[in-house]
Amino acid sequence: MQTFIKDLSKHVGEEVVLKGWLNNIRSSGSIAFLELRDGNGFIQCVANKKELAEDVWNLVENSTQESSIIVTGKVTQHPKKTDVFELQITKYQLVQQAIDYPIGNKEHGPEFLMDNRHLWLRSKKQWAILRIRHLVKAGLQDYFNNQGYIELDTPIFTPTSCEGTTDLFEVNYFDRKAYLTQNGQLYLEAMCMAFGRVYDLCPNFRAEKSKTRKHLTEFWSLNPEIAFIEHEESLKIQEASIKHVVKYVLEHGGEELALLERDLSELQAVVEKPFVHYEYGDAIAELKKRGSSIEYGKDLGAEDEELLTNDSDVPVIVKNWPKDIKPFYMKKHPIDSKLVLNADVLASRGFGEIIGGSQREDDYEIILQNIKSAGLQVDIFEWYLDLRKYGSVPHCGFGIGIERVTRWIAGIHHIRETSAFPRMLNRIEP
């Protein structure tokens, strides 16, 4: 019966069967050390020539990287490392011999690795990053599910945009044009009026012609929408959800974080300390002090986000931005009508934006005028305007970028490594 590497601590002294792939092999001529991976972990298997039949030993010695194998052996404690185990091989079966595996134990350029992404996923680093991604999604769902939210799905095909039309992917939808969704927010607003607290976890598509290390054309986000709350309460929820997911990854992703050599003290600080808040105007003033040439009324670029957070142990929240640079659905600030009630959450240590959100405008006449001023077709938004006619309430929502949070927690330079098969301006293969 097959055993998994993650469960070997329960089988010390027992003989077990492992099925997986040969990650690496080295031999002294009498003893061979095989690193086996089975998808949920790595283990060193030890083959002793004296204790194996000659044909079995020859099979071991001639095995190649990424060959698929089945090994039987006794589980033992590693002689020098606590909580690390080895397998003393007694039987060995070769399922398929891999020939000339193209990714070796040497430096490869990023384009080569992206062309071979289907194989690069097998490397330890990619294994660890994508398992962190899984934990990010699981941790966020754990938080919102336990706070009484319902996960619902929003459409991928949409008749229009929620944030402008310049970076939409247009598709033919039978006899009319449609677009791949930028975000399911408008539909989530409808659902929160039915269920109170909802979220979706889904892909978004943006035809933004950007080649930065922080952009993908297809990315995933978790998007809560919450009835009967206002802006500052939403910010508390955003902070709590990020603290929760970081704690969740620390608790469940120790092996993965160790493989990535992540500084755990940085992540622990996020859990323990309150986030930093800046009003937009104060953030601009602070950036100018730090040498930025940004002017009031402009969006923060990647360099500005880094400059504002490089020396921070915790995420930085920049809130209440100028209305003119934000989408039509954001609620007007109650004191300064030139501002809206919104915020971006910037990850600590220069990793950039991980959350964007706002309080939604709940007044029918104001949002109708906003739609007109934005040059959008009112008739397409009639159903959305209905939400302001029938039982409108204060409500807020925000989007948490899965790849961006993964990149930050894992400490990864480029966002392409946080997606199994990333889609970027110049890449749609494999």
Protein backbone atom coordinates (compact mmCIF):
# COMPACT_ATOMS: atom_id res chain seq x y z
CA MET A 1 0.00 0.00 0.00
CA GLN A 2 1.37 3.44 -0.96
CA THR A 3 2.57 5.81 1.76
CA PHE A 4 3.17 9.53 1.25
CA ILE A 5 6.35 11.34 2.24
CA LYS A 6 4.44 13.80 4.42
CA ASP A 7 3.26 10.89 6.60
CA LEU A 8 6.59 9.12 7.16
CA SER A 9 6.95 10.36 10.75
CA LYS A 10 4.12 7.96 11.60
CA HIS A 11 5.99 4.96 10.15
CA VAL A 12 9.49 5.04 11.67
CA GLY A 13 10.84 1.50 11.82
CA GLU A 14 8.23 0.22 9.37
CA GLU A 15 8.57 -0.90 5.76
CA VAL A 16 6.61 1.32 3.37
CA VAL A 17 6.10 1.81 -0.36
CA LEU A 18 6.73 5.23 -1.94
CA LYS A 19 5.79 6.21 -5.50
CA GLY A 20 7.28 9.24 -7.16
CA TRP A 21 10.03 10.73 -9.29
CA LEU A 22 13.80 10.77 -8.96
CA ASN A 23 14.82 14.35 -8.27
CA ASN A 24 18.52 13.64 -7.93
CA ILE A 25 20.96 10.74 -7.49
CA ARG A 26 24.58 10.44 -6.36
CA SER A 27 26.56 7.24 -5.86
CA SER A 28 29.90 6.32 -4.30
CA GLY A 29 29.96 2.94 -6.03
CA SER A 30 28.74 1.05 -2.98
CA ILE A 31 26.07 3.36 -1.62
CA ALA A 32 23.64 5.48 -3.64
CA PHE A 33 21.63 8.41 -2.32
CA LEU A 34 18.40 9.06 -4.21
CA GLU A 35 16.24 12.10 -3.62
CA LEU A 36 12.64 11.13 -4.25
CA ARG A 37 9.70 13.50 -4.58
CA ASP A 38 6.07 12.42 -4.58
CA GLY A 39 4.29 15.74 -5.03
CA ASN A 40 3.90 16.56 -1.35
CA GLY A 41 7.49 16.30 -0.15
CA PHE A 42 11.09 15.20 -0.69
CA ILE A 43 13.03 12.39 0.99
CA GLN A 44 16.47 10.84 0.74
CA CYS A 45 16.43 7.14 -0.06
CA VAL A 46 19.58 5.11 0.64
CA ALA A 47 20.52 2.10 -1.49
CA ASN A 48 23.29 -0.16 -0.15
CA LYS A 49 24.91 -2.34 -2.82
CA LYS A 50 25.67 -5.12 -0.32
CA GLU A 51 22.03 -5.44 0.67
CA LEU A 52 20.48 -5.47 -2.81
CA ALA A 53 20.42 -8.03 -5.57
CA GLU A 54 22.83 -7.22 -8.39
CA ASP A 55 20.07 -6.50 -10.92
CA VAL A 56 18.32 -4.18 -8.46
CA TRP A 57 21.55 -2.30 -7.74
CA ASN A 58 22.23 -1.90 -11.46
CA LEU A 59 18.72 -0.53 -11.92
CA VAL A 60 19.34 2.02 -9.16
CA GLU A 61 22.72 3.13 -10.50
CA ASN A 62 21.44 3.56 -14.04
CA SER A 63 18.35 5.55 -13.08
CA THR A 64 18.21 9.12 -14.36
CA GLN A 65 16.80 12.42 -13.14
CA GLU A 66 12.98 12.58 -13.37
CA SER A 67 12.57 8.85 -13.93
CA SER A 68 9.40 7.60 -12.26
CA ILE A 69 10.00 4.92 -9.63
CA ILE A 70 8.43 2.82 -6.90
CA VAL A 71 10.61 2.09 -3.87
CA THR A 72 10.07 -0.11 -0.87
CA GLY A 73 12.12 0.32 2.28
CA LYS A 74 12.40 0.89 6.00
CA VAL A 75 11.77 4.37 7.42
CA THR A 76 14.60 5.59 9.68
CA GLN A 77 15.39 8.80 11.53
CA HIS A 78 18.07 10.92 9.83
CA PRO A 79 21.33 10.43 11.78
CA LYS A 80 22.01 14.18 12.16
CA LYS A 81 18.71 16.05 11.66
CA THR A 82 15.66 15.96 13.91
CA ASP A 83 12.26 15.49 12.27
CA VAL A 84 13.96 14.40 9.05
CA PHE A 85 13.59 10.83 7.83
CA GLU A 86 15.23 8.52 5.31
CA LEU A 87 14.21 5.37 3.50
CA GLN A 88 16.55 2.35 3.49
CA ILE A 89 15.75 0.72 0.16
CA THR A 90 14.91 -2.99 -0.01
CA LYS A 91 13.05 -3.08 -3.34
CA TYR A 92 13.21 -0.81 -6.38
CA GLN A 93 10.99 -0.64 -9.44
CA LEU A 94 11.58 1.61 -12.45
CA VAL A 95 8.26 2.74 -13.94
CA GLN A 96 9.70 4.85 -16.76
CA GLN A 97 13.26 5.90 -17.56
CA ALA A 98 13.58 9.62 -18.35
CA ILE A 99 16.11 10.35 -21.10
CA ASP A 100 18.01 13.66 -21.39
CA TYR A 101 15.86 15.69 -19.02
CA PRO A 102 16.44 19.27 -20.28
CA ILE A 103 16.57 21.11 -16.92
CA GLY A 104 19.81 20.28 -15.17
CA ASN A 105 21.44 21.36 -11.91
CA LYS A 106 22.85 24.53 -13.46
CA GLU A 107 21.80 28.07 -14.27
CA HIS A 108 19.20 28.45 -17.02
CA GLY A 109 17.90 31.71 -18.47
CA PRO A 110 14.32 32.79 -17.65
CA GLU A 111 13.10 32.38 -21.24
CA PHE A 112 14.40 28.81 -21.37
CA LEU A 113 12.71 28.05 -18.07
CA MET A 114 9.46 29.66 -19.20
CA ASP A 115 9.53 27.69 -22.45
CA ASN A 116 9.90 24.57 -20.29
CA ARG A 117 7.46 25.70 -17.62
CA HIS A 118 5.67 22.35 -17.78
CA LEU A 119 8.89 20.75 -16.49
CA TRP A 120 10.22 23.66 -14.42
CA LEU A 121 7.22 23.19 -12.11
CA ARG A 122 8.99 20.08 -10.77
CA SER A 123 11.88 22.06 -9.25
CA LYS A 124 12.00 22.50 -5.49
CA LYS A 125 11.63 26.26 -5.65
CA GLN A 126 8.59 26.18 -7.94
CA TRP A 127 7.07 23.37 -5.87
CA ALA A 128 7.44 25.51 -2.75
CA ILE A 129 6.09 28.71 -4.35
CA LEU A 130 2.97 27.07 -5.77
CA ARG A 131 2.26 25.28 -2.50
CA ILE A 132 2.49 28.69 -0.80
CA ARG A 133 -0.03 29.93 -3.38
CA HIS A 134 -2.35 27.08 -2.37
CA LEU A 135 -1.98 28.06 1.29
CA VAL A 136 -2.70 31.72 0.48
CA LYS A 137 -5.99 30.74 -1.14
CA ALA A 138 -6.83 28.27 1.62
CA GLY A 139 -5.94 30.75 4.36
CA LEU A 140 -8.07 33.53 2.88
CA GLN A 141 -11.02 31.20 2.40
CA ASP A 142 -10.55 29.96 5.96
CA TYR A 143 -10.78 33.53 7.23
CA PHE A 144 -13.82 34.64 5.25
CA ASN A 145 -15.72 31.36 5.60
CA ASN A 146 -15.32 31.54 9.37
CA GLN A 147 -16.55 35.15 9.38
CA GLY A 148 -19.88 34.16 7.84
CA TYR A 149 -19.19 34.97 4.18
CA ILE A 150 -20.60 32.90 1.32
CA GLU A 151 -18.44 32.11 -1.70
CA LEU A 152 -20.34 32.73 -4.93
CA ASP A 153 -19.23 32.87 -8.56
CA THR A 154 -19.30 35.86 -10.90
CA PRO A 155 -19.38 35.78 -14.72
CA ILE A 156 -16.23 35.56 -16.85
CA PHE A 157 -18.07 37.03 -19.88
CA THR A 158 -19.30 40.58 -19.26
CA PRO A 159 -21.06 43.15 -21.48
CA THR A 160 -18.91 46.03 -20.27
CA SER A 161 -16.15 47.07 -17.88
CA CYS A 162 -16.29 48.06 -14.23
CA GLU A 163 -13.08 50.13 -14.38
CA GLY A 164 -12.80 51.61 -17.88
CA THR A 165 -12.54 50.07 -21.32
CA THR A 166 -8.89 50.59 -22.28
CA ASP A 167 -7.52 47.25 -21.06
CA LEU A 168 -10.34 44.83 -21.83
CA PHE A 169 -9.95 41.58 -23.77
CA GLU A 170 -12.70 41.68 -26.39
CA VAL A 171 -14.26 38.39 -27.56
CA ASN A 172 -16.97 37.42 -30.02
CA TYR A 173 -20.07 36.38 -28.12
CA PHE A 174 -22.33 34.91 -30.81
CA ASP A 175 -23.74 38.00 -32.59
CA ARG A 176 -22.31 40.65 -30.27
CA LYS A 177 -19.16 41.78 -28.52
CA ALA A 178 -18.34 40.73 -24.97
CA TYR A 179 -15.33 41.07 -22.72
CA LEU A 180 -13.36 38.89 -20.35
CA THR A 181 -13.96 40.13 -16.84
CA GLN A 182 -11.64 42.62 -15.20
CA ASN A 183 -13.36 41.99 -11.89
CA GLY A 184 -16.68 40.58 -10.68
CA GLN A 185 -17.31 43.47 -8.29
CA LEU A 186 -20.56 44.79 -9.78
CA TYR A 187 -22.11 41.33 -9.62
CA LEU A 188 -20.82 40.84 -6.08
CA GLU A 189 -22.58 44.05 -5.09
CA ALA A 190 -25.85 42.53 -6.28
CA MET A 191 -25.15 39.32 -4.37
CA CYS A 192 -24.20 41.08 -1.15
CA MET A 193 -27.64 42.72 -1.18
CA ALA A 194 -29.09 39.21 -1.16
CA PHE A 195 -26.65 37.43 1.18
CA GLY A 196 -25.04 40.20 3.24
CA ARG A 197 -21.42 39.04 3.08
CA VAL A 198 -20.07 37.35 -0.03
CA TYR A 199 -16.85 36.78 -1.93
CA ASP A 200 -15.65 35.23 -5.14
CA LEU A 201 -12.31 33.62 -5.94
CA CYS A 202 -11.75 33.76 -9.66
CA PRO A 203 -9.52 34.76 -12.58
CA ASN A 204 -9.44 38.32 -13.90
CA PHE A 205 -8.15 39.47 -17.30
CA ARG A 206 -6.50 42.78 -18.16
CA ALA A 207 -5.06 43.67 -21.55
CA GLU A 208 -2.57 46.01 -19.93
CA LYS A 209 0.60 46.28 -22.00
CA SER A 210 2.96 46.07 -19.07
CA LYS A 211 6.15 44.04 -18.79
CA THR A 212 6.90 44.71 -15.13
CA ARG A 213 7.68 41.97 -12.64
CA LYS A 214 4.33 42.66 -10.92
CA HIS A 215 1.90 42.23 -13.84
CA LEU A 216 0.08 39.31 -15.45
CA THR A 217 -2.66 39.49 -18.07
CA GLU A 218 -4.53 36.66 -16.31
CA PHE A 219 -4.50 36.69 -12.54
CA TRP A 220 -6.63 35.52 -9.62
CA SER A 221 -8.19 37.52 -6.84
CA LEU A 222 -10.43 36.97 -3.84
CA ASN A 223 -13.05 39.70 -3.71
CA PRO A 224 -15.27 40.25 -0.66
CA GLU A 225 -18.32 42.51 -0.82
CA ILE A 226 -19.95 43.47 2.46
CA ALA A 227 -23.32 45.08 3.22
CA PHE A 228 -23.94 47.51 6.09
CA ILE A 229 -20.35 48.56 6.71
CA GLU A 230 -18.39 51.72 6.00
CA HIS A 231 -14.85 52.51 4.91
CA GLU A 232 -12.86 52.32 8.14
CA GLU A 233 -14.50 49.06 9.17
CA SER A 234 -13.61 47.62 5.77
CA LEU A 235 -9.96 48.56 6.37
CA LYS A 236 -10.03 46.64 9.65
CA ILE A 237 -11.33 43.57 7.82
CA GLN A 238 -8.63 43.90 5.17
CA GLU A 239 -5.92 44.07 7.83
CA ALA A 240 -7.37 41.13 9.75
CA SER A 241 -7.58 38.96 6.63
CA ILE A 242 -3.95 39.63 5.71
CA LYS A 243 -2.75 38.93 9.24
CA HIS A 244 -4.73 35.69 9.18
CA VAL A 245 -3.34 34.45 5.88
CA VAL A 246 0.26 35.23 6.86
CA LYS A 247 -0.25 33.34 10.14
CA TYR A 248 -1.88 30.48 8.23
CA VAL A 249 1.11 30.14 5.88
CA LEU A 250 3.54 30.29 8.81
CA GLU A 251 1.62 27.48 10.52
CA HIS A 252 1.14 25.24 7.48
CA GLY A 253 4.01 26.11 5.13
CA GLY A 254 7.14 25.70 7.22
CA GLU A 255 8.86 23.31 4.80
CA GLU A 256 8.06 25.49 1.81
CA LEU A 257 9.23 28.71 3.48
CA ALA A 258 12.46 26.98 4.55
CA LEU A 259 13.14 25.85 0.98
CA LEU A 260 12.69 29.46 -0.15
CA GLU A 261 14.96 30.68 2.68
CA ARG A 262 12.28 33.17 3.68
CA ASP A 263 12.98 35.44 6.64
CA LEU A 264 10.25 34.32 9.03
CA SER A 265 10.79 37.27 11.37
CA GLU A 266 9.52 39.61 8.64
CA LEU A 267 6.32 37.58 8.30
CA GLN A 268 5.87 37.29 12.07
CA ALA A 269 6.03 41.09 12.35
CA VAL A 270 3.07 41.36 9.97
CA VAL A 271 1.03 39.14 12.29
CA GLU A 272 1.97 41.00 15.46
CA LYS A 273 2.10 44.71 14.56
CA PRO A 274 -0.64 47.14 13.40
CA PHE A 275 -0.51 48.31 9.79
CA VAL A 276 0.61 51.85 8.92
CA HIS A 277 -2.05 54.27 7.56
CA TYR A 278 -1.48 57.30 5.32
CA GLU A 279 -4.02 59.68 3.92
CA TYR A 280 -3.29 60.00 0.19
CA GLY A 281 -2.08 63.59 0.57
CA ASP A 282 0.21 62.63 3.46
CA ALA A 283 1.61 59.74 1.42
CA ILE A 284 2.47 62.11 -1.43
CA ALA A 285 4.18 64.48 1.01
CA GLU A 286 6.15 61.60 2.54
CA LEU A 287 7.23 60.36 -0.87
CA LYS A 288 8.49 63.82 -1.78
CA LYS A 289 10.56 63.83 1.42
CA ARG A 290 12.04 60.51 0.32
CA GLY A 291 13.04 61.85 -3.08
CA SER A 292 10.09 60.99 -5.33
CA SER A 293 9.04 63.43 -8.05
CA ILE A 294 5.36 62.38 -7.80
CA GLU A 295 2.78 65.17 -7.85
CA TYR A 296 -0.51 65.33 -5.96
CA GLY A 297 -3.29 63.86 -8.08
CA LYS A 298 -1.16 61.13 -9.63
CA ASP A 299 -1.33 57.39 -9.07
CA LEU A 300 1.54 55.75 -7.22
CA GLY A 301 3.96 53.97 -9.53
CA ALA A 302 5.87 50.83 -8.60
CA GLU A 303 8.89 52.89 -7.53
CA ASP A 304 6.71 55.02 -5.26
CA GLU A 305 5.15 51.96 -3.65
CA GLU A 306 8.60 50.55 -2.98
CA LEU A 307 9.91 53.85 -1.64
CA LEU A 308 7.01 54.16 0.80
CA THR A 309 7.30 50.59 2.15
CA ASN A 310 10.93 49.48 1.83
CA ASP A 311 11.67 50.23 5.48
CA SER A 312 8.31 49.10 6.85
CA ASP A 313 7.83 45.87 8.82
CA VAL A 314 4.13 45.85 8.01
CA PRO A 315 1.85 46.70 5.09
CA VAL A 316 1.08 50.37 4.45
CA ILE A 317 -2.47 51.51 3.73
CA VAL A 318 -2.86 54.60 1.52
CA LYS A 319 -6.46 55.83 1.75
CA ASN A 320 -8.88 58.48 0.48
CA TRP A 321 -7.56 59.25 -2.99
CA PRO A 322 -8.57 61.99 -5.47
CA LYS A 323 -11.84 61.19 -7.19
CA ASP A 324 -10.50 62.07 -10.65
CA ILE A 325 -8.12 59.10 -10.78
CA LYS A 326 -10.54 56.48 -9.44
CA PRO A 327 -13.51 54.50 -10.93
CA PHE A 328 -17.08 55.72 -10.99
CA TYR A 329 -18.44 53.42 -8.29
CA MET A 330 -16.38 54.75 -5.34
CA LYS A 331 -18.22 56.75 -2.70
CA LYS A 332 -17.53 60.46 -2.31
CA HIS A 333 -15.65 61.46 0.82
CA PRO A 334 -18.12 63.03 3.31
CA ILE A 335 -15.84 66.00 4.12
CA ASP A 336 -13.86 66.58 0.92
CA SER A 337 -15.89 66.01 -2.25
CA LYS A 338 -12.71 65.89 -4.35
CA LEU A 339 -11.77 62.60 -2.63
CA VAL A 340 -13.30 59.13 -2.51
CA LEU A 341 -13.40 56.55 0.28
CA ASN A 342 -10.93 54.01 -1.02
CA ALA A 343 -7.57 52.46 -0.14
CA ASP A 344 -4.66 50.50 -1.52
CA VAL A 345 -2.82 48.12 0.79
CA LEU A 346 0.89 48.00 -0.05
CA ALA A 347 2.88 45.02 1.14
CA SER A 348 5.85 45.56 3.41
CA ARG A 349 9.45 45.61 2.18
CA GLY A 350 8.68 47.07 -1.24
CA PHE A 351 6.49 44.30 -2.67
CA GLY A 352 3.78 46.67 -3.86
CA GLU A 353 -0.01 46.67 -3.88
CA ILE A 354 -1.80 43.53 -2.66
CA ILE A 355 -5.31 44.92 -2.02
CA GLY A 356 -7.42 47.60 -3.66
CA GLY A 357 -10.86 48.50 -2.37
CA SER A 358 -13.42 51.16 -1.53
CA GLN A 359 -16.73 52.03 -0.06
CA ARG A 360 -19.26 51.92 -2.90
CA GLU A 361 -21.45 54.87 -3.80
CA ASP A 362 -24.94 53.93 -2.60
CA ASP A 363 -26.86 57.04 -3.72
CA TYR A 364 -28.80 56.53 -6.97
CA GLU A 365 -28.52 60.05 -8.35
CA ILE A 366 -24.83 60.36 -7.60
CA ILE A 367 -23.84 57.06 -9.17
CA LEU A 368 -26.04 57.72 -12.20
CA GLN A 369 -24.18 60.98 -12.74
CA ASN A 370 -20.84 59.20 -12.19
CA ILE A 371 -21.67 56.68 -14.93
CA LYS A 372 -22.58 59.47 -17.34
CA SER A 373 -19.46 61.46 -16.48
CA ALA A 374 -17.31 58.39 -17.11
CA GLY A 375 -18.75 58.14 -20.64
CA LEU A 376 -20.36 54.75 -19.97
CA GLN A 377 -23.66 53.53 -21.43
CA VAL A 378 -26.38 54.00 -18.84
CA ASP A 379 -28.62 51.30 -20.30
CA ILE A 380 -25.97 48.62 -19.74
CA PHE A 381 -25.87 49.56 -16.05
CA GLU A 382 -29.66 49.65 -15.47
CA TRP A 383 -29.52 46.45 -13.43
CA TYR A 384 -26.66 47.88 -11.35
CA LEU A 385 -28.62 51.09 -10.76
CA ASP A 386 -31.52 48.97 -9.48
CA LEU A 387 -29.35 48.11 -6.48
CA ARG A 388 -29.57 51.80 -5.50
CA LYS A 389 -33.35 51.92 -6.06
CA TYR A 390 -34.39 48.95 -3.97
CA GLY A 391 -32.97 48.79 -0.48
CA SER A 392 -29.65 50.53 -0.98
CA VAL A 393 -27.29 50.37 2.02
CA PRO A 394 -23.73 51.44 2.84
CA HIS A 395 -21.41 48.72 1.56
CA CYS A 396 -17.74 48.11 0.83
CA GLY A 397 -15.61 45.71 -1.13
CA PHE A 398 -12.03 44.99 -2.03
CA GLY A 399 -9.90 42.65 -4.09
CA ILE A 400 -6.94 40.64 -2.77
CA GLY A 401 -4.46 39.61 -5.47
CA ILE A 402 -3.55 35.94 -5.03
CA GLU A 403 -0.34 36.08 -7.05
CA ARG A 404 0.75 39.34 -5.43
CA VAL A 405 0.17 38.06 -1.89
CA THR A 406 1.97 34.82 -2.80
CA ARG A 407 4.92 36.76 -4.23
CA TRP A 408 5.20 38.83 -1.05
CA ILE A 409 4.87 35.98 1.43
CA ALA A 410 7.24 33.75 -0.56
CA GLY A 411 9.70 36.61 -1.08
CA ILE A 412 9.84 36.12 -4.86
CA HIS A 413 11.25 38.70 -7.27
CA HIS A 414 8.97 38.09 -10.28
CA ILE A 415 5.25 37.40 -10.22
CA ARG A 416 5.48 34.92 -13.12
CA GLU A 417 6.78 32.31 -10.66
CA THR A 418 3.57 32.47 -8.60
CA SER A 419 1.36 31.13 -11.41
CA ALA A 420 1.60 27.58 -12.72
CA PHE A 421 1.31 28.76 -16.33
CA PRO A 422 1.61 32.56 -16.32
CA ARG A 423 0.07 34.69 -19.03
CA MET A 424 1.96 37.89 -19.83
CA LEU A 425 2.19 40.46 -22.60
CA ASN A 426 4.65 38.35 -24.59
CA ARG A 427 3.69 34.85 -23.46
CA ILE A 428 0.71 32.56 -23.86
CA GLU A 429 2.64 29.28 -24.13
CA PRO A 430 2.94 26.57 -22.93
